[in-house]
C-alpha atoms as a PDB file:
ATOM      1  CA  UNK A   1     -45.267 -25.939 -39.669  1.00  0.00           C
ATOM      2  CA  UNK A   2     -48.269 -27.254 -37.783  1.00  0.00           C
ATOM      3  CA  UNK A   3     -46.987 -30.803 -38.387  1.00  0.00           C
ATOM      4  CA  UNK A   4     -43.600 -30.020 -36.778  1.00  0.00           C
ATOM      5  CA  UNK A   5     -45.337 -28.614 -33.702  1.00  0.00           C
ATOM      6  CA  UNK A   6     -47.353 -31.800 -33.206  1.00  0.00           C
ATOM      7  CA  UNK A   7     -44.213 -33.938 -33.687  1.00  0.00           C
ATOM      8  CA  UNK A   8     -42.378 -31.816 -31.089  1.00  0.00           C
ATOM      9  CA  UNK A   9     -45.231 -32.078 -28.581  1.00  0.00           C
ATOM     10  CA  UNK A  10     -45.399 -35.861 -29.121  1.00  0.00           C
ATOM     11  CA  UNK A  11     -41.624 -36.091 -28.558  1.00  0.00           C
ATOM     12  CA  UNK A  12     -41.873 -34.020 -25.360  1.00  0.00           C
ATOM     13  CA  UNK A  13     -44.741 -36.137 -24.012  1.00  0.00           C
ATOM     14  CA  UNK A  14     -42.739 -39.320 -24.752  1.00  0.00           C
ATOM     15  CA  UNK A  15     -39.711 -37.879 -22.882  1.00  0.00           C
ATOM     16  CA  UNK A  16     -41.912 -36.975 -19.912  1.00  0.00           C
ATOM     17  CA  UNK A  17     -43.464 -40.443 -19.937  1.00  0.00           C
ATOM     18  CA  UNK A  18     -40.004 -42.096 -20.070  1.00  0.00           C
ATOM     19  CA  UNK A  19     -38.770 -39.961 -17.158  1.00  0.00           C
ATOM     20  CA  UNK A  20     -41.785 -40.850 -15.017  1.00  0.00           C
ATOM     21  CA  UNK A  21     -41.253 -44.565 -15.804  1.00  0.00           C
ATOM     22  CA  UNK A  22     -37.557 -44.258 -14.802  1.00  0.00           C
ATOM     23  CA  UNK A  23     -38.542 -42.575 -11.529  1.00  0.00           C
ATOM     24  CA  UNK A  24     -41.079 -45.323 -10.784  1.00  0.00           C
ATOM     25  CA  UNK A  25     -38.556 -48.059 -11.518  1.00  0.00           C
ATOM     26  CA  UNK A  26     -35.950 -46.370  -9.268  1.00  0.00           C
ATOM     27  CA  UNK A  27     -38.476 -46.204  -6.433  1.00  0.00           C
ATOM     28  CA  UNK A  28     -39.542 -49.823  -6.921  1.00  0.00           C
ATOM     29  CA  UNK A  29     -35.981 -51.150  -7.212  1.00  0.00           C
ATOM     30  CA  UNK A  30     -34.632 -49.850  -3.900  1.00  0.00           C
ATOM     31  CA  UNK A  31     -33.273 -52.593  -1.664  1.00  0.00           C
ATOM     32  CA  UNK A  32     -34.757 -51.419   1.624  1.00  0.00           C
ATOM     33  CA  UNK A  33     -38.172 -52.249   2.997  1.00  0.00           C
ATOM     34  CA  UNK A  34     -40.527 -49.591   4.318  1.00  0.00           C
ATOM     35  CA  UNK A  35     -39.817 -49.083   8.035  1.00  0.00           C
ATOM     36  CA  UNK A  36     -36.445 -50.922   7.985  1.00  0.00           C
ATOM     37  CA  UNK A  37     -33.940 -49.245  10.326  1.00  0.00           C
ATOM     38  CA  UNK A  38     -30.983 -47.676   8.507  1.00  0.00           C
ATOM     39  CA  UNK A  39     -27.821 -46.237  10.087  1.00  0.00           C
ATOM     40  CA  UNK A  40     -26.853 -42.721   9.066  1.00  0.00           C
ATOM     41  CA  UNK A  41     -24.142 -40.225   9.872  1.00  0.00           C
ATOM     42  CA  UNK A  42     -23.908 -36.555   8.886  1.00  0.00           C
ATOM     43  CA  UNK A  43     -20.958 -35.386   6.774  1.00  0.00           C
ATOM     44  CA  UNK A  44     -19.854 -31.781   6.344  1.00  0.00           C
ATOM     45  CA  UNK A  45     -17.729 -30.678   3.401  1.00  0.00           C
ATOM     46  CA  UNK A  46     -15.343 -27.693   3.496  1.00  0.00           C
ATOM     47  CA  UNK A  47     -17.012 -24.614   2.043  1.00  0.00           C
ATOM     48  CA  UNK A  48     -20.531 -25.890   2.818  1.00  0.00           C
ATOM     49  CA  UNK A  49     -22.569 -24.367   5.610  1.00  0.00           C
ATOM     50  CA  UNK A  50     -24.551 -27.492   6.443  1.00  0.00           C
ATOM     51  CA  UNK A  51     -23.997 -31.218   6.790  1.00  0.00           C
ATOM     52  CA  UNK A  52     -25.676 -33.965   4.768  1.00  0.00           C
ATOM     53  CA  UNK A  53     -26.930 -37.447   5.765  1.00  0.00           C
ATOM     54  CA  UNK A  54     -25.055 -40.494   4.440  1.00  0.00           C
ATOM     55  CA  UNK A  55     -25.675 -44.204   4.898  1.00  0.00           C
ATOM     56  CA  UNK A  56     -23.097 -45.870   7.137  1.00  0.00           C
ATOM     57  CA  UNK A  57     -23.451 -49.472   6.003  1.00  0.00           C
ATOM     58  CA  UNK A  58     -21.211 -51.869   7.932  1.00  0.00           C
ATOM     59  CA  UNK A  59     -18.318 -49.447   8.423  1.00  0.00           C
ATOM     60  CA  UNK A  60     -17.065 -48.414  11.830  1.00  0.00           C
ATOM     61  CA  UNK A  61     -17.021 -44.622  11.693  1.00  0.00           C
ATOM     62  CA  UNK A  62     -16.159 -42.111  14.385  1.00  0.00           C
ATOM     63  CA  UNK A  63     -17.050 -38.484  14.986  1.00  0.00           C
ATOM     64  CA  UNK A  64     -14.494 -36.216  13.276  1.00  0.00           C
ATOM     65  CA  UNK A  65     -13.190 -38.906  10.915  1.00  0.00           C
ATOM     66  CA  UNK A  66     -12.427 -37.794   7.351  1.00  0.00           C
ATOM     67  CA  UNK A  67     -14.249 -39.605   4.534  1.00  0.00           C
ATOM     68  CA  UNK A  68     -14.575 -39.394   0.765  1.00  0.00           C
ATOM     69  CA  UNK A  69     -18.147 -38.982  -0.477  1.00  0.00           C
ATOM     70  CA  UNK A  70     -20.153 -37.381  -3.282  1.00  0.00           C
ATOM     71  CA  UNK A  71     -21.029 -33.769  -2.534  1.00  0.00           C
ATOM     72  CA  UNK A  72     -23.028 -31.499  -4.808  1.00  0.00           C
ATOM     73  CA  UNK A  73     -19.635 -30.351  -6.193  1.00  0.00           C
ATOM     74  CA  UNK A  74     -18.401 -33.874  -6.968  1.00  0.00           C
ATOM     75  CA  UNK A  75     -16.259 -36.312  -4.988  1.00  0.00           C
ATOM     76  CA  UNK A  76     -14.814 -34.534  -1.974  1.00  0.00           C
ATOM     77  CA  UNK A  77     -13.207 -35.126   1.396  1.00  0.00           C
ATOM     78  CA  UNK A  78     -15.540 -34.270   4.256  1.00  0.00           C
ATOM     79  CA  UNK A  79     -15.644 -35.008   7.935  1.00  0.00           C
ATOM     80  CA  UNK A  80     -18.223 -36.767  10.050  1.00  0.00           C
ATOM     81  CA  UNK A  81     -19.913 -34.268  12.345  1.00  0.00           C
ATOM     82  CA  UNK A  82     -22.492 -36.462  14.070  1.00  0.00           C
ATOM     83  CA  UNK A  83     -22.680 -39.749  15.864  1.00  0.00           C
ATOM     84  CA  UNK A  84     -24.326 -42.689  14.100  1.00  0.00           C
ATOM     85  CA  UNK A  85     -28.115 -42.522  14.301  1.00  0.00           C
ATOM     86  CA  UNK A  86     -30.884 -44.761  13.000  1.00  0.00           C
ATOM     87  CA  UNK A  87     -34.017 -43.848  11.074  1.00  0.00           C
ATOM     88  CA  UNK A  88     -36.752 -46.056   9.619  1.00  0.00           C
ATOM     89  CA  UNK A  89     -36.611 -46.197   5.807  1.00  0.00           C
ATOM     90  CA  UNK A  90     -39.161 -44.129   3.948  1.00  0.00           C
ATOM     91  CA  UNK A  91     -39.444 -43.655   0.160  1.00  0.00           C
ATOM     92  CA  UNK A  92     -39.148 -39.891   0.655  1.00  0.00           C
ATOM     93  CA  UNK A  93     -35.481 -40.455   1.629  1.00  0.00           C
ATOM     94  CA  UNK A  94     -34.592 -41.544  -1.903  1.00  0.00           C
ATOM     95  CA  UNK A  95     -32.022 -41.137  -3.343  1.00  0.00           C
ATOM     96  CA  UNK A  96     -29.850 -42.305  -0.450  1.00  0.00           C
ATOM     97  CA  UNK A  97     -26.184 -41.286  -0.464  1.00  0.00           C
ATOM     98  CA  UNK A  98     -23.405 -43.457   0.890  1.00  0.00           C
ATOM     99  CA  UNK A  99     -19.800 -42.819   1.893  1.00  0.00           C
ATOM    100  CA  UNK A 100     -17.355 -44.078  -0.744  1.00  0.00           C
ATOM    101  CA  UNK A 101     -14.399 -44.704   1.563  1.00  0.00           C
ATOM    102  CA  UNK A 102     -12.484 -43.524   4.579  1.00  0.00           C
ATOM    103  CA  UNK A 103     -10.095 -40.758   3.461  1.00  0.00           C
ATOM    104  CA  UNK A 104      -6.398 -41.628   3.219  1.00  0.00           C
ATOM    105  CA  UNK A 105      -3.520 -39.177   3.697  1.00  0.00           C
ATOM    106  CA  UNK A 106      -3.228 -39.035  -0.109  1.00  0.00           C
ATOM    107  CA  UNK A 107      -6.927 -38.084  -0.476  1.00  0.00           C
ATOM    108  CA  UNK A 108      -6.521 -35.298   2.084  1.00  0.00           C
ATOM    109  CA  UNK A 109      -3.357 -34.031   0.363  1.00  0.00           C
ATOM    110  CA  UNK A 110      -5.069 -33.974  -3.060  1.00  0.00           C
ATOM    111  CA  UNK A 111      -8.063 -32.134  -1.603  1.00  0.00           C
ATOM    112  CA  UNK A 112      -5.791 -29.449  -0.086  1.00  0.00           C
ATOM    113  CA  UNK A 113      -4.050 -28.985  -3.461  1.00  0.00           C
ATOM    114  CA  UNK A 114      -7.403 -28.608  -5.227  1.00  0.00           C
ATOM    115  CA  UNK A 115      -8.548 -25.865  -2.844  1.00  0.00           C
ATOM    116  CA  UNK A 116      -5.390 -23.709  -3.154  1.00  0.00           C
END
């Protein structure tokens, strides 16, 4: 029994070590430099009380425009509720979220059917 406990603790410590290595590699492999200016916009999803920051990229987005992005409940249609703003990149921002696409009429229709 004592042997199984030591094997379990070794397995747990290996898992913890692997997770910390994955986190380090994610932080090292980001494509932005410290202090680089990034463009963000805030997106609000129906049923959520607050809005969340998303990277804009090279898209032309407008206040009130509907977009498809990953919310904490999965892919969802949300709307932009801020103007584009810039912030200097900092590692504490990771992981950065980006907008998948501008919502089409079909996306909006599917979203309405899902929330019935």
